[in-house]
Amino acid sequence: MKKGKGKLIVIEGTDGSGKKTQVQLLIDRLQNEGHRVATASFPQYGKKSAGPIEEYLNGNYGKSDEVSPYVASLFYAIDRFDAARDIKKFLSQGTLVVLDRYVDSNAGHQGGKIKNIAERKKFIKWLYDIEFSVFGVPKPDLTIILHVPSAIGYELVYKKQQRLYLEEGKTHDAHEADKEHLKNAEASYLWLAKQFPKDHGVIECVKYGKLLSPEEIHALVWKQVLSRLK
């Protein structure tokens, strides 16, 4: 096994962008290269810490745009705080940690609710302070944003199987079912990457109107990860 300081790598993106697939491909590649790897996926559905998130995504607190981005972000921040101890432990052992979603999921999905740029900057500053300073979750070394245009992502979302966290009779959560929300989240993710270019990498998953294969997307992901590992 290769030893050294652990690094935290996050795969982000809007719904339907293939995050889960890319996380698994990256883990397999890193392990084949001899790295120790740990992983986690957020939200941690089924755990007590994700309870308010499940209520929120089932629409029990109102529609997604009716819930303040500050309030919704706290639901997710508490869930990450629950996992922070294990993440810190892995990093201290020199393990590479690969996460499916993390803090910037709030920056994308909740930040997309805020159209005024000055107000969005204020929200991002608050969000990072809450997560990294107050709750003390580790900061990522690299966050990769998988960019799929929202119109295509919306179609891909509806091919997904029903998730276990949804209440009976519901096929998609409050974010997935809202085209406008997905469009706003897409724009917010891209805006975020431009605001913090050293911390983010964007992968264009669609070329000439066609979704790249998982293997083609992974090759682009690997190129960015490899530059950070060096």
Protein backbone atom coordinates (compact mmCIF):
# COMPACT_ATOMS: atom_id res chain seq x y z
CA MET A 1 0.00 0.00 0.00
CA LYS A 2 1.16 3.52 -0.74
CA LYS A 3 1.57 5.68 2.32
CA GLY A 4 1.37 9.39 2.82
CA LYS A 5 -0.99 12.10 3.91
CA GLY A 6 -4.62 11.22 3.30
CA LYS A 7 -6.55 13.27 0.77
CA LEU A 8 -10.24 13.98 0.52
CA ILE A 9 -11.74 13.80 -2.96
CA VAL A 10 -15.38 14.63 -3.63
CA ILE A 11 -17.52 13.82 -6.65
CA GLU A 12 -20.33 16.34 -7.06
CA GLY A 13 -22.88 17.18 -9.73
CA THR A 14 -26.54 17.61 -10.38
CA ASP A 15 -29.01 14.73 -10.21
CA GLY A 16 -28.56 12.25 -13.03
CA SER A 17 -24.89 13.07 -13.66
CA GLY A 18 -23.59 9.61 -12.71
CA LYS A 19 -21.85 10.42 -9.44
CA LYS A 20 -22.30 6.98 -7.92
CA THR A 21 -20.83 5.27 -10.98
CA GLN A 22 -17.84 7.61 -11.10
CA VAL A 23 -17.16 7.21 -7.39
CA GLN A 24 -16.99 3.43 -7.81
CA LEU A 25 -14.78 3.62 -10.91
CA LEU A 26 -12.41 5.98 -9.09
CA ILE A 27 -12.25 3.74 -6.02
CA ASP A 28 -11.46 0.71 -8.18
CA ARG A 29 -8.72 2.61 -10.02
CA LEU A 30 -7.13 3.93 -6.83
CA GLN A 31 -7.14 0.48 -5.22
CA ASN A 32 -5.58 -1.04 -8.32
CA GLU A 33 -2.86 1.61 -8.05
CA GLY A 34 -2.13 0.44 -4.51
CA HIS A 35 -3.87 3.14 -2.48
CA ARG A 36 -5.87 2.60 0.67
CA VAL A 37 -9.33 3.97 0.02
CA ALA A 38 -12.37 4.70 2.16
CA THR A 39 -15.69 6.06 0.95
CA ALA A 40 -19.02 7.47 2.07
CA SER A 41 -22.14 8.75 0.37
CA PHE A 42 -24.25 11.71 1.46
CA PRO A 43 -26.92 12.00 2.64
CA GLN A 44 -26.58 8.95 4.89
CA TYR A 45 -30.10 7.71 4.23
CA GLY A 46 -31.45 5.40 6.91
CA LYS A 47 -29.35 6.91 9.70
CA LYS A 48 -30.84 9.14 12.39
CA SER A 49 -28.64 12.02 11.26
CA ALA A 50 -30.37 12.02 7.85
CA GLY A 51 -33.91 11.96 9.26
CA PRO A 52 -34.67 15.68 8.68
CA ILE A 53 -33.24 15.39 5.14
CA GLU A 54 -35.60 12.55 4.30
CA GLU A 55 -38.53 14.58 5.62
CA TYR A 56 -37.39 17.57 3.55
CA LEU A 57 -36.91 15.58 0.32
CA ASN A 58 -40.30 13.93 0.77
CA GLY A 59 -41.81 17.42 0.80
CA ASN A 60 -43.03 17.24 4.38
CA TYR A 61 -41.64 20.72 5.14
CA GLY A 62 -43.06 22.19 1.94
CA LYS A 63 -41.82 22.37 -1.63
CA SER A 64 -38.06 22.65 -2.09
CA ASP A 65 -38.24 26.35 -2.97
CA GLU A 66 -40.39 27.03 0.10
CA VAL A 67 -37.70 25.90 2.53
CA SER A 68 -34.97 28.46 3.25
CA PRO A 69 -31.56 27.44 1.88
CA TYR A 70 -30.13 28.22 5.31
CA VAL A 71 -32.58 25.88 7.04
CA ALA A 72 -32.18 23.06 4.52
CA SER A 73 -28.38 23.37 4.65
CA LEU A 74 -28.39 22.76 8.39
CA PHE A 75 -30.14 19.40 7.86
CA TYR A 76 -27.31 18.27 5.59
CA ALA A 77 -24.54 19.82 7.72
CA ILE A 78 -25.63 17.80 10.77
CA ASP A 79 -25.53 14.62 8.71
CA ARG A 80 -21.96 15.35 7.61
CA PHE A 81 -20.96 16.19 11.18
CA ASP A 82 -22.13 12.69 12.09
CA ALA A 83 -19.63 11.22 9.62
CA ALA A 84 -16.78 13.68 10.23
CA ARG A 85 -15.07 11.66 12.97
CA ASP A 86 -14.63 8.63 10.71
CA ILE A 87 -13.46 10.76 7.79
CA LYS A 88 -10.84 12.46 9.98
CA LYS A 89 -9.67 9.09 11.25
CA PHE A 90 -9.15 7.73 7.74
CA LEU A 91 -7.30 10.86 6.62
CA SER A 92 -4.99 10.72 9.66
CA GLN A 93 -4.08 7.15 8.67
CA GLY A 94 -3.03 8.24 5.18
CA THR A 95 -6.14 6.84 3.53
CA LEU A 96 -7.64 8.42 0.44
CA VAL A 97 -11.28 9.25 1.09
CA VAL A 98 -13.66 9.44 -1.87
CA LEU A 99 -17.09 10.92 -1.21
CA ASP A 100 -20.29 10.86 -3.21
CA ARG A 101 -21.59 14.40 -2.49
CA TYR A 102 -20.42 16.63 0.34
CA VAL A 103 -20.57 20.29 1.42
CA ASP A 104 -20.84 21.65 -2.11
CA SER A 105 -24.11 19.80 -2.62
CA ASN A 106 -25.54 22.54 -0.42
CA ALA A 107 -23.66 25.18 -2.38
CA GLY A 108 -25.18 23.85 -5.59
CA HIS A 109 -28.71 22.88 -4.65
CA GLN A 110 -29.39 25.45 -1.93
CA GLY A 111 -27.24 28.17 -3.49
CA GLY A 112 -29.28 27.77 -6.67
CA LYS A 113 -32.32 29.05 -4.80
CA ILE A 114 -30.58 32.42 -4.38
CA LYS A 115 -30.61 34.41 -7.62
CA ASN A 116 -28.97 37.57 -6.27
CA ILE A 117 -25.21 37.00 -6.59
CA ALA A 118 -24.29 39.17 -3.61
CA GLU A 119 -26.75 37.21 -1.46
CA ARG A 120 -25.45 33.91 -2.82
CA LYS A 121 -21.87 34.89 -1.93
CA LYS A 122 -23.09 35.72 1.57
CA PHE A 123 -24.76 32.30 1.78
CA ILE A 124 -21.64 30.44 0.59
CA LYS A 125 -19.52 32.25 3.18
CA TRP A 126 -22.03 31.29 5.88
CA LEU A 127 -22.21 27.70 4.63
CA TYR A 128 -18.45 27.15 4.63
CA ASP A 129 -18.13 28.72 8.07
CA ILE A 130 -20.87 26.47 9.50
CA GLU A 131 -19.49 23.29 7.94
CA PHE A 132 -15.73 23.76 8.21
CA SER A 133 -15.41 26.00 11.29
CA VAL A 134 -18.43 25.33 13.50
CA PHE A 135 -19.05 21.65 12.73
CA GLY A 136 -15.40 21.05 11.84
CA VAL A 137 -15.88 18.70 8.90
CA PRO A 138 -12.67 18.18 6.89
CA LYS A 139 -12.09 20.38 3.86
CA PRO A 140 -11.78 18.57 0.50
CA ASP A 141 -8.49 18.57 -1.38
CA LEU A 142 -10.43 18.42 -4.63
CA THR A 143 -14.10 18.63 -5.56
CA ILE A 144 -14.95 17.38 -9.04
CA ILE A 145 -18.23 18.61 -10.48
CA LEU A 146 -19.82 16.38 -13.13
CA HIS A 147 -21.66 18.72 -15.47
CA VAL A 148 -24.68 17.36 -17.30
CA PRO A 149 -27.09 19.97 -18.72
CA SER A 150 -30.20 20.01 -16.56
CA ALA A 151 -32.52 19.03 -19.43
CA ILE A 152 -30.56 15.82 -20.01
CA GLY A 153 -30.10 15.25 -16.28
CA TYR A 154 -33.86 15.47 -15.76
CA GLU A 155 -34.41 12.69 -18.29
CA LEU A 156 -31.74 10.53 -16.66
CA VAL A 157 -33.25 11.04 -13.21
CA TYR A 158 -36.53 9.54 -14.35
CA LYS A 159 -34.75 6.36 -15.37
CA LYS A 160 -33.61 5.80 -11.79
CA GLN A 161 -35.24 3.24 -9.57
CA GLN A 162 -37.25 4.47 -6.62
CA ARG A 163 -35.04 5.29 -3.65
CA LEU A 164 -35.65 3.68 -0.26
CA TYR A 165 -35.87 7.01 1.56
CA LEU A 166 -38.99 8.05 -0.34
CA GLU A 167 -42.41 7.56 1.12
CA GLU A 168 -44.79 5.07 -0.46
CA GLY A 169 -46.28 6.32 -3.71
CA LYS A 170 -43.46 8.76 -4.46
CA THR A 171 -40.98 8.00 -7.23
CA HIS A 172 -38.71 11.06 -7.05
CA ASP A 173 -37.75 13.51 -4.34
CA ALA A 174 -38.49 17.23 -4.15
CA HIS A 175 -35.27 18.18 -5.94
CA GLU A 176 -35.44 15.58 -8.71
CA ALA A 177 -39.06 16.33 -9.59
CA ASP A 178 -38.46 20.07 -10.02
CA LYS A 179 -37.02 21.01 -13.43
CA GLU A 180 -36.45 24.61 -12.37
CA HIS A 181 -34.57 23.47 -9.28
CA LEU A 182 -32.25 21.26 -11.36
CA LYS A 183 -31.62 24.15 -13.77
CA ASN A 184 -30.79 26.53 -10.94
CA ALA A 185 -28.54 23.95 -9.24
CA GLU A 186 -26.64 23.42 -12.48
CA ALA A 187 -26.00 27.14 -12.81
CA SER A 188 -24.99 27.42 -9.16
CA TYR A 189 -22.46 24.57 -9.44
CA LEU A 190 -20.81 26.16 -12.48
CA TRP A 191 -20.77 29.56 -10.77
CA LEU A 192 -19.16 28.00 -7.70
CA ALA A 193 -16.38 26.42 -9.75
CA LYS A 194 -15.55 29.82 -11.24
CA GLN A 195 -15.53 31.43 -7.79
CA PHE A 196 -13.14 28.83 -6.35
CA PRO A 197 -11.16 27.41 -9.31
CA LYS A 198 -8.32 26.03 -7.17
CA ASP A 199 -10.71 23.85 -5.20
CA HIS A 200 -12.93 22.62 -8.02
CA GLY A 201 -12.64 20.83 -11.32
CA VAL A 202 -15.49 20.60 -13.84
CA ILE A 203 -15.98 17.57 -16.06
CA GLU A 204 -18.11 18.12 -19.16
CA CYS A 205 -20.05 14.86 -19.42
CA VAL A 206 -21.92 15.74 -22.60
CA LYS A 207 -20.25 16.31 -25.95
CA TYR A 208 -22.12 17.34 -29.10
CA GLY A 209 -25.40 16.67 -27.31
CA LYS A 210 -24.46 13.09 -26.40
CA LEU A 211 -23.62 11.76 -22.94
CA LEU A 212 -20.08 10.40 -22.74
CA SER A 213 -19.64 6.79 -21.64
CA PRO A 214 -18.81 6.11 -17.97
CA GLU A 215 -15.32 5.07 -19.06
CA GLU A 216 -14.75 8.30 -20.99
CA ILE A 217 -15.92 10.38 -18.02
CA HIS A 218 -13.73 8.36 -15.66
CA ALA A 219 -10.65 9.07 -17.80
CA LEU A 220 -11.30 12.80 -17.34
CA VAL A 221 -11.90 12.37 -13.62
CA TRP A 222 -8.71 10.34 -13.23
CA LYS A 223 -6.64 13.02 -14.95
CA GLN A 224 -7.74 15.60 -12.39
CA VAL A 225 -7.30 13.27 -9.42
CA LEU A 226 -3.84 12.22 -10.55
CA SER A 227 -2.68 15.84 -10.64
CA ARG A 228 -3.64 16.22 -6.96
CA LEU A 229 -2.07 12.93 -5.90
CA LYS A 230 1.27 14.08 -7.32
